[in-house]
Amino acid sequence: MEERITTAGVLICEGRFLIAKRQDSGSIGGMWEFVGGKNRWGEREEETLKREFLEELGITIEVKELLHSHRFSNKGTNYLLKAYLVVLQGEFSPTLTVHTELQWVTMGELSGFAMAPSDQEIVKTLNSASL
């Protein structure tokens, strides 16, 4: 079975993580996630994250180191999720296109949000890291 790469960007500002609530439609509708998305054919993971942040929030980022990766399946497709630390470039003036809400949360507050199942694994890694 084919495996697709999907990405997530962990944006941290003053000790808080940016999470976004998906619109109610889709398999993770109404859940919280780190911003990111599916890799297009021939696209580098860094390009995917830059494109997704621009498309979904209208903001520009720089991609730093890989923080986490794991495999999961959703609706018969296998995925390799790669989460990278990202840094804001320019102003933070987001426009929501596929999300209904954004929150800046501390590590301790993350557990109080209904995170998408795949992103729950990222949270576990972040809990054991010192960022």
N, C-alpha and C. Protein backbone atom coordinates (compact mmCIF):
# COMPACT_ATOMS: atom_id res chain seq x y z
N MET A 1 0.84 -1.19 0.00
CA MET A 1 0.00 0.00 0.00
C MET A 1 0.89 1.25 0.00
N GLU A 2 0.45 2.24 -0.70
CA GLU A 2 1.20 3.49 -0.83
C GLU A 2 1.25 4.22 0.51
N GLU A 3 2.37 4.89 0.76
CA GLU A 3 2.52 5.71 1.95
C GLU A 3 2.70 7.16 1.53
N ARG A 4 1.91 8.04 2.13
CA ARG A 4 2.01 9.47 1.83
C ARG A 4 2.70 10.16 3.00
N ILE A 5 3.43 11.20 2.67
CA ILE A 5 4.04 12.03 3.71
C ILE A 5 3.10 13.18 4.02
N THR A 6 2.93 13.43 5.31
CA THR A 6 2.19 14.60 5.76
C THR A 6 3.04 15.33 6.79
N THR A 7 2.85 16.61 6.91
CA THR A 7 3.72 17.42 7.75
C THR A 7 2.91 18.21 8.78
N ALA A 8 3.60 18.60 9.84
CA ALA A 8 3.02 19.47 10.86
C ALA A 8 4.11 20.44 11.29
N GLY A 9 3.72 21.68 11.52
CA GLY A 9 4.65 22.69 11.97
C GLY A 9 4.38 23.07 13.42
N VAL A 10 5.41 22.97 14.25
CA VAL A 10 5.29 23.34 15.65
C VAL A 10 5.86 24.74 15.80
N LEU A 11 4.95 25.71 15.90
CA LEU A 11 5.32 27.12 16.03
C LEU A 11 5.23 27.49 17.51
N ILE A 12 6.34 27.95 18.07
CA ILE A 12 6.41 28.29 19.49
C ILE A 12 6.75 29.76 19.63
N CYS A 13 6.02 30.46 20.49
CA CYS A 13 6.29 31.86 20.76
C CYS A 13 6.10 32.09 22.26
N GLU A 14 7.15 32.56 22.91
CA GLU A 14 7.13 32.86 24.34
C GLU A 14 6.61 31.67 25.16
N GLY A 15 7.08 30.47 24.82
CA GLY A 15 6.72 29.28 25.55
C GLY A 15 5.34 28.71 25.26
N ARG A 16 4.68 29.24 24.25
CA ARG A 16 3.34 28.76 23.89
C ARG A 16 3.37 28.19 22.47
N PHE A 17 2.56 27.16 22.27
CA PHE A 17 2.46 26.47 20.98
C PHE A 17 1.21 26.94 20.25
N LEU A 18 1.33 27.14 18.94
CA LEU A 18 0.18 27.51 18.13
C LEU A 18 -0.56 26.24 17.70
N ILE A 19 -1.86 26.17 18.04
CA ILE A 19 -2.70 25.09 17.56
C ILE A 19 -3.91 25.70 16.87
N ALA A 20 -4.50 24.93 15.97
CA ALA A 20 -5.61 25.44 15.16
C ALA A 20 -6.75 24.42 15.17
N LYS A 21 -7.97 24.92 15.25
CA LYS A 21 -9.15 24.06 15.25
C LYS A 21 -9.69 23.95 13.84
N ARG A 22 -9.80 22.70 13.34
CA ARG A 22 -10.30 22.46 11.98
C ARG A 22 -11.79 22.77 11.89
N GLN A 23 -12.22 23.17 10.69
CA GLN A 23 -13.65 23.30 10.43
C GLN A 23 -14.31 21.97 10.71
N ASP A 24 -15.61 21.97 10.93
CA ASP A 24 -16.32 20.77 11.35
C ASP A 24 -16.35 19.63 10.34
N SER A 25 -16.06 19.88 9.08
CA SER A 25 -16.12 18.82 8.06
C SER A 25 -14.80 18.03 8.03
N GLY A 26 -14.86 16.85 7.44
CA GLY A 26 -13.66 16.03 7.27
C GLY A 26 -13.43 15.08 8.43
N SER A 27 -12.40 14.23 8.27
CA SER A 27 -12.15 13.19 9.26
C SER A 27 -11.68 13.72 10.60
N ILE A 28 -11.09 14.91 10.63
CA ILE A 28 -10.67 15.49 11.91
C ILE A 28 -11.41 16.81 12.18
N GLY A 29 -12.59 16.93 11.58
CA GLY A 29 -13.39 18.14 11.75
C GLY A 29 -13.66 18.44 13.21
N GLY A 30 -13.47 19.69 13.60
CA GLY A 30 -13.72 20.13 14.96
C GLY A 30 -12.60 19.82 15.93
N MET A 31 -11.55 19.15 15.47
CA MET A 31 -10.42 18.82 16.35
C MET A 31 -9.31 19.86 16.17
N TRP A 32 -8.42 19.86 17.14
CA TRP A 32 -7.27 20.76 17.13
C TRP A 32 -6.07 20.05 16.52
N GLU A 33 -5.18 20.85 15.91
CA GLU A 33 -4.00 20.29 15.27
C GLU A 33 -2.89 21.33 15.20
N PHE A 34 -1.69 20.84 14.92
CA PHE A 34 -0.60 21.71 14.53
C PHE A 34 -0.79 21.94 13.03
N VAL A 35 -0.57 23.15 12.57
CA VAL A 35 -0.80 23.47 11.16
C VAL A 35 0.15 22.67 10.29
N GLY A 36 -0.35 22.21 9.16
CA GLY A 36 0.46 21.44 8.21
C GLY A 36 -0.43 20.80 7.18
N GLY A 37 0.09 19.81 6.49
CA GLY A 37 -0.71 19.14 5.49
C GLY A 37 0.07 18.15 4.67
N LYS A 38 -0.61 17.60 3.69
CA LYS A 38 -0.05 16.54 2.87
C LYS A 38 0.98 17.07 1.86
N ASN A 39 2.02 16.28 1.72
CA ASN A 39 3.09 16.58 0.79
C ASN A 39 2.63 16.31 -0.64
N ARG A 40 2.87 17.24 -1.53
CA ARG A 40 2.57 17.04 -2.96
C ARG A 40 3.73 16.33 -3.62
N TRP A 41 3.45 15.59 -4.69
CA TRP A 41 4.48 14.85 -5.38
C TRP A 41 5.60 15.79 -5.82
N GLY A 42 6.83 15.42 -5.50
CA GLY A 42 7.99 16.19 -5.90
C GLY A 42 8.30 17.37 -5.00
N GLU A 43 7.52 17.57 -3.98
CA GLU A 43 7.68 18.71 -3.08
C GLU A 43 8.52 18.27 -1.88
N ARG A 44 9.48 19.08 -1.49
CA ARG A 44 10.23 18.82 -0.27
C ARG A 44 9.35 19.12 0.94
N GLU A 45 9.60 18.45 2.04
CA GLU A 45 8.77 18.64 3.23
C GLU A 45 8.77 20.09 3.70
N GLU A 46 9.91 20.75 3.60
CA GLU A 46 9.99 22.16 3.99
C GLU A 46 9.07 23.02 3.11
N GLU A 47 9.03 22.68 1.82
CA GLU A 47 8.15 23.41 0.90
C GLU A 47 6.69 23.17 1.25
N THR A 48 6.36 21.93 1.62
CA THR A 48 4.99 21.61 2.02
C THR A 48 4.57 22.48 3.20
N LEU A 49 5.39 22.55 4.22
CA LEU A 49 5.03 23.34 5.41
C LEU A 49 4.90 24.82 5.09
N LYS A 50 5.83 25.36 4.32
CA LYS A 50 5.73 26.77 3.95
C LYS A 50 4.45 27.05 3.18
N ARG A 51 4.11 26.16 2.23
CA ARG A 51 2.89 26.31 1.44
C ARG A 51 1.65 26.21 2.33
N GLU A 52 1.62 25.22 3.20
CA GLU A 52 0.45 25.01 4.06
C GLU A 52 0.22 26.19 5.01
N PHE A 53 1.27 26.72 5.62
CA PHE A 53 1.11 27.87 6.51
C PHE A 53 0.61 29.09 5.74
N LEU A 54 1.11 29.24 4.52
CA LEU A 54 0.66 30.36 3.69
C LEU A 54 -0.79 30.17 3.25
N GLU A 55 -1.14 28.97 2.79
CA GLU A 55 -2.51 28.71 2.33
C GLU A 55 -3.53 28.76 3.48
N GLU A 56 -3.17 28.15 4.62
CA GLU A 56 -4.13 28.01 5.71
C GLU A 56 -4.21 29.21 6.64
N LEU A 57 -3.08 29.95 6.78
CA LEU A 57 -3.06 31.08 7.71
C LEU A 57 -2.61 32.40 7.09
N GLY A 58 -2.03 32.33 5.90
CA GLY A 58 -1.53 33.55 5.27
C GLY A 58 -0.29 34.09 5.94
N ILE A 59 0.48 33.20 6.59
CA ILE A 59 1.71 33.65 7.25
C ILE A 59 2.91 32.90 6.67
N THR A 60 4.08 33.52 6.80
CA THR A 60 5.31 32.97 6.28
C THR A 60 6.14 32.41 7.43
N ILE A 61 6.71 31.24 7.20
CA ILE A 61 7.53 30.59 8.22
C ILE A 61 8.86 30.15 7.64
N GLU A 62 9.77 29.86 8.55
CA GLU A 62 11.04 29.19 8.21
C GLU A 62 11.00 27.84 8.91
N VAL A 63 11.40 26.79 8.21
CA VAL A 63 11.37 25.44 8.76
C VAL A 63 12.73 25.11 9.36
N LYS A 64 12.69 24.64 10.59
CA LYS A 64 13.91 24.26 11.32
C LYS A 64 14.00 22.74 11.41
N GLU A 65 14.45 22.21 12.56
CA GLU A 65 14.73 20.79 12.68
C GLU A 65 13.48 19.92 12.84
N LEU A 66 13.66 18.66 12.43
CA LEU A 66 12.63 17.64 12.60
C LEU A 66 12.53 17.31 14.09
N LEU A 67 11.31 17.36 14.63
CA LEU A 67 11.08 17.08 16.05
C LEU A 67 10.50 15.70 16.29
N HIS A 68 9.74 15.20 15.31
CA HIS A 68 8.97 13.97 15.54
C HIS A 68 8.57 13.36 14.21
N SER A 69 8.48 12.04 14.18
CA SER A 69 7.86 11.36 13.03
C SER A 69 7.24 10.06 13.51
N HIS A 70 6.15 9.69 12.88
CA HIS A 70 5.50 8.40 13.15
C HIS A 70 4.58 8.06 12.00
N ARG A 71 4.22 6.79 11.95
CA ARG A 71 3.33 6.30 10.89
C ARG A 71 1.94 6.08 11.47
N PHE A 72 0.91 6.31 10.63
CA PHE A 72 -0.46 6.03 11.02
C PHE A 72 -1.27 5.80 9.75
N SER A 73 -2.47 5.27 9.93
CA SER A 73 -3.38 5.03 8.81
C SER A 73 -4.66 5.81 9.03
N ASN A 74 -5.24 6.29 7.92
CA ASN A 74 -6.51 7.00 7.97
C ASN A 74 -7.25 6.72 6.67
N LYS A 75 -8.46 6.19 6.81
CA LYS A 75 -9.31 5.89 5.66
C LYS A 75 -8.59 5.08 4.59
N GLY A 76 -7.86 4.05 5.03
CA GLY A 76 -7.20 3.14 4.10
C GLY A 76 -5.90 3.63 3.49
N THR A 77 -5.42 4.78 3.92
CA THR A 77 -4.14 5.30 3.43
C THR A 77 -3.14 5.32 4.56
N ASN A 78 -1.92 4.88 4.28
CA ASN A 78 -0.83 4.94 5.25
C ASN A 78 -0.10 6.27 5.12
N TYR A 79 0.23 6.86 6.25
CA TYR A 79 0.91 8.16 6.27
C TYR A 79 2.16 8.09 7.11
N LEU A 80 3.14 8.89 6.75
CA LEU A 80 4.30 9.17 7.57
C LEU A 80 4.19 10.65 7.93
N LEU A 81 3.92 10.91 9.20
CA LEU A 81 3.79 12.29 9.68
C LEU A 81 5.13 12.76 10.19
N LYS A 82 5.56 13.92 9.69
CA LYS A 82 6.81 14.52 10.13
C LYS A 82 6.51 15.92 10.69
N ALA A 83 6.86 16.11 11.95
CA ALA A 83 6.62 17.40 12.61
C ALA A 83 7.94 18.14 12.76
N TYR A 84 7.95 19.37 12.29
CA TYR A 84 9.14 20.21 12.32
C TYR A 84 8.91 21.43 13.21
N LEU A 85 9.97 21.88 13.85
CA LEU A 85 9.94 23.18 14.51
C LEU A 85 9.92 24.23 13.41
N VAL A 86 9.03 25.21 13.52
CA VAL A 86 8.99 26.29 12.55
C VAL A 86 9.07 27.63 13.27
N VAL A 87 9.58 28.63 12.56
CA VAL A 87 9.76 29.97 13.11
C VAL A 87 9.03 30.96 12.23
N LEU A 88 8.31 31.86 12.86
CA LEU A 88 7.56 32.89 12.15
C LEU A 88 8.52 33.84 11.45
N GLN A 89 8.20 34.18 10.21
CA GLN A 89 8.95 35.17 9.44
C GLN A 89 8.01 36.35 9.20
N GLY A 90 8.31 37.49 9.76
CA GLY A 90 7.44 38.65 9.59
C GLY A 90 6.37 38.70 10.67
N GLU A 91 5.28 39.40 10.35
CA GLU A 91 4.21 39.62 11.32
C GLU A 91 3.31 38.40 11.45
N PHE A 92 2.72 38.26 12.63
CA PHE A 92 1.71 37.23 12.85
C PHE A 92 0.35 37.89 12.70
N SER A 93 -0.18 37.81 11.50
CA SER A 93 -1.49 38.40 11.19
C SER A 93 -2.26 37.37 10.37
N PRO A 94 -2.73 36.29 11.04
CA PRO A 94 -3.31 35.17 10.30
C PRO A 94 -4.70 35.44 9.74
N THR A 95 -4.98 34.75 8.64
CA THR A 95 -6.30 34.70 8.02
C THR A 95 -6.70 33.23 8.00
N LEU A 96 -7.82 32.89 8.60
CA LEU A 96 -8.24 31.50 8.69
C LEU A 96 -8.98 31.06 7.43
N THR A 97 -8.54 29.93 6.84
CA THR A 97 -9.22 29.41 5.65
C THR A 97 -9.80 28.02 5.89
N VAL A 98 -9.11 27.16 6.63
CA VAL A 98 -9.61 25.81 6.92
C VAL A 98 -9.77 25.57 8.42
N HIS A 99 -9.53 26.60 9.19
CA HIS A 99 -9.66 26.52 10.64
C HIS A 99 -10.70 27.54 11.11
N THR A 100 -11.27 27.28 12.27
CA THR A 100 -12.25 28.21 12.84
C THR A 100 -11.68 29.02 13.99
N GLU A 101 -10.54 28.57 14.51
CA GLU A 101 -9.98 29.22 15.70
C GLU A 101 -8.50 28.88 15.83
N LEU A 102 -7.74 29.79 16.41
CA LEU A 102 -6.34 29.56 16.76
C LEU A 102 -6.17 29.80 18.25
N GLN A 103 -5.25 29.08 18.86
CA GLN A 103 -4.93 29.28 20.27
C GLN A 103 -3.43 29.16 20.46
N TRP A 104 -2.88 30.00 21.34
CA TRP A 104 -1.51 29.85 21.80
C TRP A 104 -1.63 29.18 23.17
N VAL A 105 -1.06 28.00 23.32
CA VAL A 105 -1.22 27.24 24.56
C VAL A 105 0.12 26.77 25.10
N THR A 106 0.17 26.62 26.42
CA THR A 106 1.37 26.07 27.06
C THR A 106 1.35 24.56 26.93
N MET A 107 2.47 23.95 27.25
CA MET A 107 2.55 22.48 27.20
C MET A 107 1.48 21.87 28.11
N GLY A 108 1.32 22.40 29.28
CA GLY A 108 0.34 21.89 30.22
C GLY A 108 -1.09 22.03 29.72
N GLU A 109 -1.37 23.05 28.96
CA GLU A 109 -2.72 23.28 28.45
C GLU A 109 -3.07 22.38 27.25
N LEU A 110 -2.05 21.88 26.55
CA LEU A 110 -2.29 21.05 25.36
C LEU A 110 -3.19 19.86 25.65
N SER A 111 -3.05 19.26 26.81
CA SER A 111 -3.84 18.07 27.13
C SER A 111 -5.33 18.38 27.27
N GLY A 112 -5.69 19.64 27.43
CA GLY A 112 -7.08 20.03 27.57
C GLY A 112 -7.80 20.24 26.24
N PHE A 113 -7.10 20.04 25.13
CA PHE A 113 -7.68 20.23 23.80
C PHE A 113 -7.85 18.89 23.11
N ALA A 114 -8.93 18.75 22.36
CA ALA A 114 -9.19 17.52 21.59
C ALA A 114 -8.33 17.55 20.34
N MET A 115 -7.09 17.08 20.48
CA MET A 115 -6.15 17.08 19.37
C MET A 115 -6.47 15.93 18.42
N ALA A 116 -6.21 16.14 17.13
CA ALA A 116 -6.36 15.07 16.14
C ALA A 116 -5.50 13.89 16.58
N PRO A 117 -5.98 12.66 16.37
CA PRO A 117 -5.21 11.49 16.82
C PRO A 117 -3.74 11.49 16.39
N SER A 118 -3.46 11.85 15.15
CA SER A 118 -2.06 11.85 14.70
C SER A 118 -1.24 12.90 15.43
N ASP A 119 -1.85 14.02 15.79
CA ASP A 119 -1.12 15.08 16.48
C ASP A 119 -0.95 14.79 17.97
N GLN A 120 -1.74 13.88 18.52
CA GLN A 120 -1.55 13.47 19.91
C GLN A 120 -0.17 12.86 20.10
N GLU A 121 0.33 12.19 19.07
CA GLU A 121 1.67 11.59 19.14
C GLU A 121 2.74 12.68 19.17
N ILE A 122 2.52 13.78 18.47
CA ILE A 122 3.46 14.90 18.50
C ILE A 122 3.50 15.48 19.91
N VAL A 123 2.34 15.62 20.53
CA VAL A 123 2.25 16.17 21.89
C VAL A 123 3.06 15.30 22.85
N LYS A 124 2.97 13.98 22.71
CA LYS A 124 3.75 13.08 23.56
C LYS A 124 5.25 13.35 23.42
N THR A 125 5.70 13.53 22.18
CA THR A 125 7.11 13.82 21.96
C THR A 125 7.50 15.16 22.55
N LEU A 126 6.65 16.18 22.37
CA LEU A 126 6.94 17.50 22.92
C LEU A 126 6.99 17.47 24.44
N ASN A 127 6.15 16.64 25.06
CA ASN A 127 6.16 16.51 26.52
C ASN A 127 7.49 16.00 27.04
N SER A 128 8.15 15.16 26.25
CA SER A 128 9.43 14.59 26.70
C SER A 128 10.63 15.41 26.24
N ALA A 129 10.40 16.41 25.40
CA ALA A 129 11.49 17.28 24.91
C ALA A 129 11.57 18.53 25.76
N SER A 130 12.66 19.21 25.66
CA SER A 130 12.79 20.49 26.37
C SER A 130 12.91 21.61 25.35
N LEU A 131 11.76 22.12 24.93
CA LEU A 131 11.73 23.20 23.93
C LEU A 131 11.49 24.53 24.61
